[in-house]
Amino acid sequence: MPNPMKKYLFLAVAALFFCLYVSCSADKAQPQSSNNIIDIVTQGTWKVTYYTDHGGNETMHFVDYTFAFHSDNSLTASYGTTVISGNWNVTDNNSSSLYTDLSTPTDDTPGDLVDFNISFPIANLDFNDIEDDWDVVTKSATEIVLKDGNLDDPTKIDYITFEKVPTPSVDLASAIRQGTWQVLYYSDHGNNQTVNFTGYSFTFGANGSVVVTNGTTPVTGSWTITTANNSPLYTAPATSDDSPNDAVDFNLIFPLATCPVLFNDIEDDWDRVFVSATTIMLKDDVAIDPTLNDYIVFKKLP
C-alpha cells in the first residue's frame, strides 16, 4: 500500500520548485537593477554635477538646471522660468531606440543589460548632447553615474553624474568644513580651466582659513560667508555683487601678494548652486553676458 506521507512530501517539493521557477522567470523578465534605478530617480529632484562629452568637460551647460524624472516618463529641466521638457525610460537587453552606433543593431555597450534613455525632442544643442542610451555605472539613493561607450575611441566615452537635491538643504558652512576637497570642475568666463587645479586639495578651517596643498609649498587663503549682498569682493559696482538676488555669498580670498596667480582667478564672491555632503557647486554671475559666468565644483575626497 502506498505511503500517503511520501505522496504529500512529493507534492510539497514539487510546489516549492514551481514557485522558485516562477520567481526566477519573473526576475529574468524584469531585472532588479532596472527596478531599482526607476525607484531611485523618480524620488525628488536632481542636479548634474559632472558631465563630459567626448572627453571634454561641459558641466557648465547644466549647472543651473534642476532635473525631475516623473513616473509617467516625462522629464523636466528647470532654471527659473525656463523649463526644458523631454522624456526618459529604462530599457533592458539593448532594446533602446537611441543608438549611437548605427552600424550594428545594438548600442555602444552591447554587454550591458540596462539602458537609461534620455531624449529631448526640441532643438536645444546642449540638451541634445545628453540625449542618449546611457549605461548605469553606479547608483545609490543620492547619486547616479551614467556613461555612454564609444567603440571607435574609448578615450571619448561620455559620462554624466546626477546628484539628488538634499531635503532638507545642507548648510554650506557646515559642509565645507568637513574633510578635504578637490576642484572637480572650474570654468572661467566660459573656458574650462579645471586642469590648473589638478592635484590640489583644499581644507577649509573653522577659523576661516583655506589651506591648499599639492605635495609642495602650501597656499593659504581665507573664506567667509556673507549675507544681504555685503560681500567684500565685488565684481560689479560697489553697491552690489553680480547676483543681487542671491542672499548668500561664499567668499574665497587668495592675496595676490602671497599666492600664485591661478588662485587669484578663483578669488570671488561665489553664489551657492548646490550643496550636499560630498559636492559643492558655486557660480559667479556676469550680468552683462551670462555665457561668461564662472563655475566651480568642489568634490569631497574619500
C-alpha atoms as a PDB file:
ATOM      1  CA  MET A   1       0.000   0.000   0.000  1.00  0.00           C
ATOM      2  CA  PRO A   2       1.497   3.372  -0.962  1.00  0.00           C
ATOM      3  CA  ASN A   3       2.633   5.608   1.849  1.00  0.00           C
ATOM      4  CA  PRO A   4       0.405   8.766   1.800  1.00  0.00           C
ATOM      5  CA  MET A   5       3.090  10.778   3.622  1.00  0.00           C
ATOM      6  CA  LYS A   6       5.548  10.227   0.744  1.00  0.00           C
ATOM      7  CA  LYS A   7       2.894  11.408  -1.700  1.00  0.00           C
ATOM      8  CA  TYR A   8       2.287  14.606   0.236  1.00  0.00           C
ATOM      9  CA  LEU A   9       6.024  15.184   0.598  1.00  0.00           C
ATOM     10  CA  PHE A  10       6.492  14.806  -3.163  1.00  0.00           C
ATOM     11  CA  LEU A  11       3.682  17.289  -3.870  1.00  0.00           C
ATOM     12  CA  ALA A  12       5.158  19.801  -1.422  1.00  0.00           C
ATOM     13  CA  VAL A  13       8.612  19.588  -3.026  1.00  0.00           C
ATOM     14  CA  ALA A  14       7.081  19.930  -6.491  1.00  0.00           C
ATOM     15  CA  ALA A  15       5.136  23.011  -5.415  1.00  0.00           C
ATOM     16  CA  LEU A  16       8.314  24.535  -3.986  1.00  0.00           C
ATOM     17  CA  PHE A  17      10.219  24.037  -7.246  1.00  0.00           C
ATOM     18  CA  PHE A  18       7.306  25.543  -9.200  1.00  0.00           C
ATOM     19  CA  CYS A  19       7.310  28.650  -7.024  1.00  0.00           C
ATOM     20  CA  LEU A  20      11.062  29.011  -7.432  1.00  0.00           C
ATOM     21  CA  TYR A  21      10.706  28.646 -11.203  1.00  0.00           C
ATOM     22  CA  VAL A  22       8.020  31.329 -11.412  1.00  0.00           C
ATOM     23  CA  SER A  23      10.071  33.656  -9.216  1.00  0.00           C
ATOM     24  CA  CYS A  24      13.207  33.203 -11.315  1.00  0.00           C
ATOM     25  CA  SER A  25      11.260  33.729 -14.542  1.00  0.00           C
ATOM     26  CA  ALA A  26       9.808  36.963 -13.219  1.00  0.00           C
ATOM     27  CA  ASP A  27      13.290  38.148 -12.270  1.00  0.00           C
ATOM     28  CA  LYS A  28      14.537  37.422 -15.777  1.00  0.00           C
ATOM     29  CA  ALA A  29      11.633  39.326 -17.323  1.00  0.00           C
ATOM     30  CA  GLN A  30      12.345  42.443 -15.210  1.00  0.00           C
ATOM     31  CA  PRO A  31      15.894  42.680 -13.809  1.00  0.00           C
ATOM     32  CA  GLN A  32      16.072  44.041 -10.283  1.00  0.00           C
ATOM     33  CA  SER A  33      18.676  46.576 -11.360  1.00  0.00           C
ATOM     34  CA  SER A  34      16.125  48.145 -13.694  1.00  0.00           C
ATOM     35  CA  ASN A  35      13.521  48.370 -10.936  1.00  0.00           C
ATOM     36  CA  ASN A  36      15.986  49.911  -8.507  1.00  0.00           C
ATOM     37  CA  ILE A  37      17.044  52.805 -10.713  1.00  0.00           C
ATOM     38  CA  ILE A  38      13.446  53.632 -11.617  1.00  0.00           C
ATOM     39  CA  ASP A  39      12.520  53.787  -7.935  1.00  0.00           C
ATOM     40  CA  ILE A  40      15.559  55.940  -7.182  1.00  0.00           C
ATOM     41  CA  VAL A  41      15.352  58.505  -9.961  1.00  0.00           C
ATOM     42  CA  THR A  42      11.633  59.243  -9.570  1.00  0.00           C
ATOM     43  CA  GLN A  43      12.182  60.362  -5.980  1.00  0.00           C
ATOM     44  CA  GLY A  44      12.945  64.081  -5.558  1.00  0.00           C
ATOM     45  CA  THR A  45      14.895  66.338  -7.915  1.00  0.00           C
ATOM     46  CA  TRP A  46      18.425  66.097  -9.289  1.00  0.00           C
ATOM     47  CA  LYS A  47      21.390  68.215 -10.382  1.00  0.00           C
ATOM     48  CA  VAL A  48      24.065  67.434 -12.969  1.00  0.00           C
ATOM     49  CA  THR A  49      27.313  67.721 -11.029  1.00  0.00           C
ATOM     50  CA  TYR A  50      29.599  66.310 -13.735  1.00  0.00           C
ATOM     51  CA  TYR A  51      29.300  65.903 -17.499  1.00  0.00           C
ATOM     52  CA  THR A  52      31.910  65.107 -20.144  1.00  0.00           C
ATOM     53  CA  ASP A  53      31.195  64.968 -23.855  1.00  0.00           C
ATOM     54  CA  HIS A  54      33.767  63.016 -25.872  1.00  0.00           C
ATOM     55  CA  GLY A  55      36.393  63.731 -23.230  1.00  0.00           C
ATOM     56  CA  GLY A  56      35.594  67.446 -22.860  1.00  0.00           C
ATOM     57  CA  ASN A  57      34.133  68.690 -19.577  1.00  0.00           C
ATOM     58  CA  GLU A  58      30.872  70.544 -20.298  1.00  0.00           C
ATOM     59  CA  THR A  59      29.336  70.567 -16.826  1.00  0.00           C
ATOM     60  CA  MET A  60      28.733  74.324 -17.098  1.00  0.00           C
ATOM     61  CA  HIS A  61      25.872  73.808 -19.561  1.00  0.00           C
ATOM     62  CA  PHE A  62      23.716  72.160 -16.896  1.00  0.00           C
ATOM     63  CA  VAL A  63      24.849  73.582 -13.547  1.00  0.00           C
ATOM     64  CA  ASP A  64      21.869  75.929 -13.213  1.00  0.00           C
ATOM     65  CA  TYR A  65      19.196  73.359 -14.123  1.00  0.00           C
ATOM     66  CA  THR A  66      17.258  71.125 -11.737  1.00  0.00           C
ATOM     67  CA  PHE A  67      16.035  67.835 -13.239  1.00  0.00           C
ATOM     68  CA  ALA A  68      12.855  65.948 -12.349  1.00  0.00           C
ATOM     69  CA  PHE A  69      12.236  62.413 -13.672  1.00  0.00           C
ATOM     70  CA  HIS A  70       8.490  61.844 -13.489  1.00  0.00           C
ATOM     71  CA  SER A  71       6.773  58.463 -13.153  1.00  0.00           C
ATOM     72  CA  ASP A  72       4.972  58.968 -16.495  1.00  0.00           C
ATOM     73  CA  ASN A  73       8.414  59.003 -18.175  1.00  0.00           C
ATOM     74  CA  SER A  74       8.366  62.737 -18.793  1.00  0.00           C
ATOM     75  CA  LEU A  75      11.437  64.756 -17.841  1.00  0.00           C
ATOM     76  CA  THR A  76      11.800  68.439 -16.987  1.00  0.00           C
ATOM     77  CA  ALA A  77      14.914  70.564 -16.541  1.00  0.00           C
ATOM     78  CA  SER A  78      14.113  73.846 -14.821  1.00  0.00           C
ATOM     79  CA  TYR A  79      16.035  77.061 -14.262  1.00  0.00           C
ATOM     80  CA  GLY A  80      13.962  79.990 -13.032  1.00  0.00           C
ATOM     81  CA  THR A  81      11.111  80.433 -15.519  1.00  0.00           C
ATOM     82  CA  THR A  82      12.851  78.326 -18.167  1.00  0.00           C
ATOM     83  CA  VAL A  83      11.603  74.730 -18.449  1.00  0.00           C
ATOM     84  CA  ILE A  84      13.089  72.232 -20.913  1.00  0.00           C
ATOM     85  CA  SER A  85      10.854  69.198 -21.451  1.00  0.00           C
ATOM     86  CA  GLY A  86      11.968  65.741 -22.505  1.00  0.00           C
ATOM     87  CA  ASN A  87      11.433  62.055 -21.870  1.00  0.00           C
ATOM     88  CA  TRP A  88      13.212  59.224 -20.122  1.00  0.00           C
ATOM     89  CA  ASN A  89      12.797  55.486 -19.682  1.00  0.00           C
ATOM     90  CA  VAL A  90      14.735  52.376 -18.769  1.00  0.00           C
ATOM     91  CA  THR A  91      15.026  49.500 -21.244  1.00  0.00           C
ATOM     92  CA  ASP A  92      16.567  46.060 -20.971  1.00  0.00           C
ATOM     93  CA  ASN A  93      18.561  43.770 -23.241  1.00  0.00           C
ATOM     94  CA  ASN A  94      19.831  46.505 -25.573  1.00  0.00           C
ATOM     95  CA  SER A  95      16.319  47.358 -26.770  1.00  0.00           C
ATOM     96  CA  SER A  96      16.837  51.120 -26.571  1.00  0.00           C
ATOM     97  CA  SER A  97      15.595  53.188 -29.505  1.00  0.00           C
ATOM     98  CA  LEU A  98      18.560  55.553 -29.049  1.00  0.00           C
ATOM     99  CA  TYR A  99      21.631  54.164 -30.773  1.00  0.00           C
ATOM    100  CA  THR A 100      24.985  55.890 -31.039  1.00  0.00           C
ATOM    101  CA  ASP A 101      26.417  53.127 -33.224  1.00  0.00           C
ATOM    102  CA  LEU A 102      24.055  52.768 -36.187  1.00  0.00           C
ATOM    103  CA  SER A 103      26.202  50.169 -37.926  1.00  0.00           C
ATOM    104  CA  THR A 104      25.006  47.427 -35.585  1.00  0.00           C
ATOM    105  CA  PRO A 105      21.616  46.534 -34.061  1.00  0.00           C
ATOM    106  CA  THR A 106      22.876  47.226 -30.560  1.00  0.00           C
ATOM    107  CA  ASP A 107      24.090  50.207 -28.578  1.00  0.00           C
ATOM    108  CA  ASP A 108      27.733  51.064 -27.856  1.00  0.00           C
ATOM    109  CA  THR A 109      27.965  48.640 -24.932  1.00  0.00           C
ATOM    110  CA  PRO A 110      26.031  45.536 -26.028  1.00  0.00           C
ATOM    111  CA  GLY A 111      27.074  43.595 -22.916  1.00  0.00           C
ATOM    112  CA  ASP A 112      25.148  45.967 -20.644  1.00  0.00           C
ATOM    113  CA  LEU A 113      21.610  44.804 -19.844  1.00  0.00           C
ATOM    114  CA  VAL A 114      20.115  48.111 -18.720  1.00  0.00           C
ATOM    115  CA  ASP A 115      19.900  51.374 -20.700  1.00  0.00           C
ATOM    116  CA  PHE A 116      18.847  54.656 -19.101  1.00  0.00           C
ATOM    117  CA  ASN A 117      17.415  56.582 -22.044  1.00  0.00           C
ATOM    118  CA  ILE A 118      17.148  60.379 -22.136  1.00  0.00           C
ATOM    119  CA  SER A 119      15.615  62.283 -25.055  1.00  0.00           C
ATOM    120  CA  PHE A 120      14.835  65.929 -25.732  1.00  0.00           C
ATOM    121  CA  PRO A 121      12.690  66.421 -28.855  1.00  0.00           C
ATOM    122  CA  ILE A 122      13.382  70.159 -29.139  1.00  0.00           C
ATOM    123  CA  ALA A 123      16.280  71.733 -30.996  1.00  0.00           C
ATOM    124  CA  ASN A 124      18.404  72.636 -27.976  1.00  0.00           C
ATOM    125  CA  LEU A 125      22.023  71.759 -28.679  1.00  0.00           C
ATOM    126  CA  ASP A 126      23.121  71.443 -25.039  1.00  0.00           C
ATOM    127  CA  PHE A 127      20.281  69.125 -24.119  1.00  0.00           C
ATOM    128  CA  ASN A 128      20.508  67.202 -27.375  1.00  0.00           C
ATOM    129  CA  ASP A 129      24.086  66.389 -26.312  1.00  0.00           C
ATOM    130  CA  ILE A 130      22.818  64.351 -23.352  1.00  0.00           C
ATOM    131  CA  GLU A 131      20.165  62.570 -25.423  1.00  0.00           C
ATOM    132  CA  ASP A 132      21.446  59.023 -25.364  1.00  0.00           C
ATOM    133  CA  ASP A 133      21.076  55.404 -24.254  1.00  0.00           C
ATOM    134  CA  TRP A 134      23.189  55.710 -21.109  1.00  0.00           C
ATOM    135  CA  ASP A 135      24.618  52.737 -19.239  1.00  0.00           C
ATOM    136  CA  VAL A 136      24.444  52.670 -15.444  1.00  0.00           C
ATOM    137  CA  VAL A 137      27.895  52.751 -13.822  1.00  0.00           C
ATOM    138  CA  THR A 138      26.839  53.176 -10.189  1.00  0.00           C
ATOM    139  CA  LYS A 139      23.629  54.097  -8.415  1.00  0.00           C
ATOM    140  CA  SER A 140      22.571  54.939  -4.887  1.00  0.00           C
ATOM    141  CA  ALA A 141      19.704  56.808  -3.273  1.00  0.00           C
ATOM    142  CA  THR A 142      21.598  60.093  -3.734  1.00  0.00           C
ATOM    143  CA  GLU A 143      23.832  59.678  -6.814  1.00  0.00           C
ATOM    144  CA  ILE A 144      23.553  58.096 -10.257  1.00  0.00           C
ATOM    145  CA  VAL A 145      26.588  57.831 -12.552  1.00  0.00           C
ATOM    146  CA  LEU A 146      25.959  57.040 -16.229  1.00  0.00           C
ATOM    147  CA  LYS A 147      28.222  56.559 -19.222  1.00  0.00           C
ATOM    148  CA  ASP A 148      27.906  56.167 -22.972  1.00  0.00           C
ATOM    149  CA  GLY A 149      30.519  53.937 -24.547  1.00  0.00           C
ATOM    150  CA  ASN A 150      32.450  54.710 -27.701  1.00  0.00           C
ATOM    151  CA  LEU A 151      33.546  51.624 -29.634  1.00  0.00           C
ATOM    152  CA  ASP A 152      35.618  53.674 -32.070  1.00  0.00           C
ATOM    153  CA  ASP A 153      37.597  55.620 -29.444  1.00  0.00           C
ATOM    154  CA  PRO A 154      37.451  54.626 -25.740  1.00  0.00           C
ATOM    155  CA  THR A 155      39.069  57.960 -24.790  1.00  0.00           C
ATOM    156  CA  LYS A 156      35.856  59.703 -25.887  1.00  0.00           C
ATOM    157  CA  ILE A 157      33.437  57.947 -23.555  1.00  0.00           C
ATOM    158  CA  ASP A 158      30.732  60.301 -22.239  1.00  0.00           C
ATOM    159  CA  TYR A 159      29.917  60.485 -18.516  1.00  0.00           C
ATOM    160  CA  ILE A 160      27.141  62.216 -16.615  1.00  0.00           C
ATOM    161  CA  THR A 161      26.521  62.305 -12.867  1.00  0.00           C
ATOM    162  CA  PHE A 162      23.169  63.190 -11.313  1.00  0.00           C
ATOM    163  CA  GLU A 163      23.074  64.003  -7.592  1.00  0.00           C
ATOM    164  CA  LYS A 164      19.842  64.246  -5.641  1.00  0.00           C
ATOM    165  CA  VAL A 165      18.950  67.638  -4.183  1.00  0.00           C
ATOM    166  CA  PRO A 166      19.052  67.106  -0.381  1.00  0.00           C
ATOM    167  CA  THR A 167      15.882  67.613   1.649  1.00  0.00           C
ATOM    168  CA  PRO A 168      16.237  69.489   3.933  1.00  0.00           C
ATOM    169  CA  SER A 169      19.016  71.553   2.400  1.00  0.00           C
ATOM    170  CA  VAL A 170      22.594  71.114   3.609  1.00  0.00           C
ATOM    171  CA  ASP A 171      24.253  74.051   5.354  1.00  0.00           C
ATOM    172  CA  LEU A 172      27.176  75.290   3.247  1.00  0.00           C
ATOM    173  CA  ALA A 173      29.305  76.490   6.158  1.00  0.00           C
ATOM    174  CA  SER A 174      28.972  73.149   7.955  1.00  0.00           C
ATOM    175  CA  ALA A 175      29.601  71.011   4.863  1.00  0.00           C
ATOM    176  CA  ILE A 176      32.719  72.839   3.637  1.00  0.00           C
ATOM    177  CA  ARG A 177      34.496  72.380   6.980  1.00  0.00           C
ATOM    178  CA  GLN A 178      34.204  68.593   6.832  1.00  0.00           C
ATOM    179  CA  GLY A 179      37.136  66.758   5.263  1.00  0.00           C
ATOM    180  CA  THR A 180      39.282  67.697   2.281  1.00  0.00           C
ATOM    181  CA  TRP A 181      38.107  68.803  -1.155  1.00  0.00           C
ATOM    182  CA  GLN A 182      39.309  68.883  -4.741  1.00  0.00           C
ATOM    183  CA  VAL A 183      38.233  71.001  -7.721  1.00  0.00           C
ATOM    184  CA  LEU A 184      36.158  68.672  -9.889  1.00  0.00           C
ATOM    185  CA  TYR A 185      35.371  71.413 -12.391  1.00  0.00           C
ATOM    186  CA  TYR A 186      36.247  75.075 -12.908  1.00  0.00           C
ATOM    187  CA  SER A 187      35.081  77.302 -15.754  1.00  0.00           C
ATOM    188  CA  ASP A 188      36.458  80.843 -16.092  1.00  0.00           C
ATOM    189  CA  HIS A 189      34.398  83.060 -18.399  1.00  0.00           C
ATOM    190  CA  GLY A 190      33.297  80.034 -20.397  1.00  0.00           C
ATOM    191  CA  ASN A 191      36.735  78.404 -20.571  1.00  0.00           C
ATOM    192  CA  ASN A 192      37.382  75.090 -18.842  1.00  0.00           C
ATOM    193  CA  GLN A 193      40.345  75.707 -16.512  1.00  0.00           C
ATOM    194  CA  THR A 194      39.974  72.616 -14.321  1.00  0.00           C
ATOM    195  CA  VAL A 195      43.429  71.354 -15.251  1.00  0.00           C
ATOM    196  CA  ASN A 196      45.019  74.290 -13.397  1.00  0.00           C
ATOM    197  CA  PHE A 197      43.903  72.771 -10.091  1.00  0.00           C
ATOM    198  CA  THR A 198      44.630  69.111 -10.784  1.00  0.00           C
ATOM    199  CA  GLY A 199      46.392  67.543  -7.818  1.00  0.00           C
ATOM    200  CA  TYR A 200      45.463  70.276  -5.338  1.00  0.00           C
ATOM    201  CA  SER A 201      43.495  69.534  -2.173  1.00  0.00           C
ATOM    202  CA  PHE A 202      41.583  72.202  -0.238  1.00  0.00           C
ATOM    203  CA  THR A 203      40.950  72.236   3.513  1.00  0.00           C
ATOM    204  CA  PHE A 204      38.531  74.860   4.856  1.00  0.00           C
ATOM    205  CA  GLY A 205      39.155  75.545   8.540  1.00  0.00           C
ATOM    206  CA  ALA A 206      36.546  76.502  11.104  1.00  0.00           C
ATOM    207  CA  ASN A 207      38.576  79.679  11.728  1.00  0.00           C
ATOM    208  CA  GLY A 208      38.020  80.876   8.151  1.00  0.00           C
ATOM    209  CA  SER A 209      41.358  79.696   6.773  1.00  0.00           C
ATOM    210  CA  VAL A 210      41.876  77.832   3.492  1.00  0.00           C
ATOM    211  CA  VAL A 211      44.953  75.648   3.056  1.00  0.00           C
ATOM    212  CA  VAL A 212      45.680  74.301  -0.422  1.00  0.00           C
ATOM    213  CA  THR A 213      48.370  71.679  -0.997  1.00  0.00           C
ATOM    214  CA  ASN A 214      49.700  69.553  -3.836  1.00  0.00           C
ATOM    215  CA  GLY A 215      52.652  67.994  -2.067  1.00  0.00           C
ATOM    216  CA  THR A 216      54.821  71.119  -2.211  1.00  0.00           C
ATOM    217  CA  THR A 217      54.577  74.516  -0.510  1.00  0.00           C
ATOM    218  CA  PRO A 218      51.014  75.066   0.767  1.00  0.00           C
ATOM    219  CA  VAL A 219      48.955  78.034  -0.402  1.00  0.00           C
ATOM    220  CA  THR A 220      46.999  79.858   2.289  1.00  0.00           C
ATOM    221  CA  GLY A 221      43.886  81.957   1.869  1.00  0.00           C
ATOM    222  CA  SER A 222      40.640  82.626   3.701  1.00  0.00           C
ATOM    223  CA  TRP A 223      36.919  82.088   3.317  1.00  0.00           C
ATOM    224  CA  THR A 224      33.782  83.720   4.692  1.00  0.00           C
ATOM    225  CA  ILE A 225      30.046  83.523   4.164  1.00  0.00           C
ATOM    226  CA  THR A 226      28.173  86.822   3.961  1.00  0.00           C
ATOM    227  CA  THR A 227      24.523  87.718   3.500  1.00  0.00           C
ATOM    228  CA  ALA A 228      22.461  90.684   2.306  1.00  0.00           C
ATOM    229  CA  ASN A 229      24.930  91.364  -0.540  1.00  0.00           C
ATOM    230  CA  ASN A 230      27.601  92.721   1.768  1.00  0.00           C
ATOM    231  CA  SER A 231      30.481  90.666   0.381  1.00  0.00           C
ATOM    232  CA  PRO A 232      33.873  92.383   0.490  1.00  0.00           C
ATOM    233  CA  LEU A 233      34.559  91.035  -3.021  1.00  0.00           C
ATOM    234  CA  TYR A 234      32.719  92.882  -5.767  1.00  0.00           C
ATOM    235  CA  THR A 235      32.852  92.199  -9.481  1.00  0.00           C
ATOM    236  CA  ALA A 236      30.189  94.831 -10.142  1.00  0.00           C
ATOM    237  CA  PRO A 237      29.898  98.380  -8.778  1.00  0.00           C
ATOM    238  CA  ALA A 238      30.424  98.539  -5.038  1.00  0.00           C
ATOM    239  CA  THR A 239      26.717  98.877  -4.342  1.00  0.00           C
ATOM    240  CA  SER A 240      26.087  95.179  -5.035  1.00  0.00           C
ATOM    241  CA  ASP A 241      27.659  91.997  -6.323  1.00  0.00           C
ATOM    242  CA  ASP A 242      26.802  90.427  -9.684  1.00  0.00           C
ATOM    243  CA  SER A 243      23.779  88.494  -8.404  1.00  0.00           C
ATOM    244  CA  PRO A 244      21.927  90.813  -6.007  1.00  0.00           C
ATOM    245  CA  ASN A 245      19.000  88.388  -5.708  1.00  0.00           C
ATOM    246  CA  ASP A 246      21.171  85.741  -4.093  1.00  0.00           C
ATOM    247  CA  ALA A 247      21.086  86.021  -0.316  1.00  0.00           C
ATOM    248  CA  VAL A 248      24.318  84.173   0.419  1.00  0.00           C
ATOM    249  CA  ASP A 249      27.868  84.748  -0.843  1.00  0.00           C
ATOM    250  CA  PHE A 250      30.702  82.268  -0.362  1.00  0.00           C
ATOM    251  CA  ASN A 251      33.804  84.446  -0.410  1.00  0.00           C
ATOM    252  CA  LEU A 252      37.187  82.974  -1.349  1.00  0.00           C
ATOM    253  CA  ILE A 253      40.211  85.209  -0.786  1.00  0.00           C
ATOM    254  CA  PHE A 254      43.763  84.466  -2.003  1.00  0.00           C
ATOM    255  CA  PRO A 255      46.004  87.558  -1.668  1.00  0.00           C
ATOM    256  CA  LEU A 256      47.875  88.083  -4.913  1.00  0.00           C
ATOM    257  CA  ALA A 257      50.986  89.168  -2.993  1.00  0.00           C
ATOM    258  CA  THR A 258      51.399  85.723  -1.399  1.00  0.00           C
ATOM    259  CA  CYS A 259      49.526  83.314  -3.708  1.00  0.00           C
ATOM    260  CA  PRO A 260      50.085  82.101  -7.275  1.00  0.00           C
ATOM    261  CA  VAL A 261      48.045  83.941  -9.905  1.00  0.00           C
ATOM    262  CA  LEU A 262      45.849  80.933 -10.647  1.00  0.00           C
ATOM    263  CA  PHE A 263      44.382  81.111  -7.124  1.00  0.00           C
ATOM    264  CA  ASN A 264      43.565  84.768  -7.631  1.00  0.00           C
ATOM    265  CA  ASP A 265      41.351  83.575 -10.510  1.00  0.00           C
ATOM    266  CA  ILE A 266      39.022  81.799  -8.063  1.00  0.00           C
ATOM    267  CA  GLU A 267      39.002  84.689  -5.595  1.00  0.00           C
ATOM    268  CA  ASP A 268      35.384  85.786  -5.776  1.00  0.00           C
ATOM    269  CA  ASP A 269      32.015  86.222  -4.072  1.00  0.00           C
ATOM    270  CA  TRP A 270      30.574  82.909  -5.210  1.00  0.00           C
ATOM    271  CA  ASP A 271      26.862  82.097  -5.168  1.00  0.00           C
ATOM    272  CA  ARG A 272      25.562  78.766  -3.931  1.00  0.00           C
ATOM    273  CA  VAL A 273      24.059  76.498  -6.619  1.00  0.00           C
ATOM    274  CA  PHE A 274      24.059  73.049  -4.998  1.00  0.00           C
ATOM    275  CA  VAL A 275      25.356  71.691  -1.703  1.00  0.00           C
ATOM    276  CA  SER A 276      25.468  68.110  -0.459  1.00  0.00           C
ATOM    277  CA  ALA A 277      27.737  66.333   1.993  1.00  0.00           C
ATOM    278  CA  THR A 278      30.116  65.450  -0.870  1.00  0.00           C
ATOM    279  CA  THR A 279      29.593  68.068  -3.605  1.00  0.00           C
ATOM    280  CA  ILE A 280      29.528  71.883  -3.567  1.00  0.00           C
ATOM    281  CA  MET A 281      28.642  73.789  -6.749  1.00  0.00           C
ATOM    282  CA  LEU A 282      29.161  77.557  -6.914  1.00  0.00           C
ATOM    283  CA  LYS A 283      28.874  80.200  -9.611  1.00  0.00           C
ATOM    284  CA  ASP A 284      29.691  83.851 -10.208  1.00  0.00           C
ATOM    285  CA  ASP A 285      27.263  85.670 -12.477  1.00  0.00           C
ATOM    286  CA  VAL A 286      28.440  88.011 -15.197  1.00  0.00           C
ATOM    287  CA  ALA A 287      25.403  90.264 -15.506  1.00  0.00           C
ATOM    288  CA  ILE A 288      26.248  91.725 -18.908  1.00  0.00           C
ATOM    289  CA  ASP A 289      26.791  88.294 -20.535  1.00  0.00           C
ATOM    290  CA  PRO A 290      25.610  85.070 -18.803  1.00  0.00           C
ATOM    291  CA  THR A 291      27.677  82.975 -21.229  1.00  0.00           C
ATOM    292  CA  LEU A 292      30.713  84.293 -19.346  1.00  0.00           C
ATOM    293  CA  ASN A 293      29.526  83.057 -15.929  1.00  0.00           C
ATOM    294  CA  ASP A 294      32.190  81.391 -13.806  1.00  0.00           C
ATOM    295  CA  TYR A 295      31.531  78.000 -12.199  1.00  0.00           C
ATOM    296  CA  ILE A 296      33.434  75.904  -9.680  1.00  0.00           C
ATOM    297  CA  VAL A 297      32.575  72.458  -8.327  1.00  0.00           C
ATOM    298  CA  PHE A 298      34.270  71.081  -5.221  1.00  0.00           C
ATOM    299  CA  LYS A 299      34.162  67.323  -4.626  1.00  0.00           C
ATOM    300  CA  LYS A 300      34.960  65.867  -1.212  1.00  0.00           C
ATOM    301  CA  LEU A 301      37.848  63.404  -1.208  1.00  0.00           C
ATOM    302  CA  PRO A 302      37.138  59.921   0.194  1.00  0.00           C
END
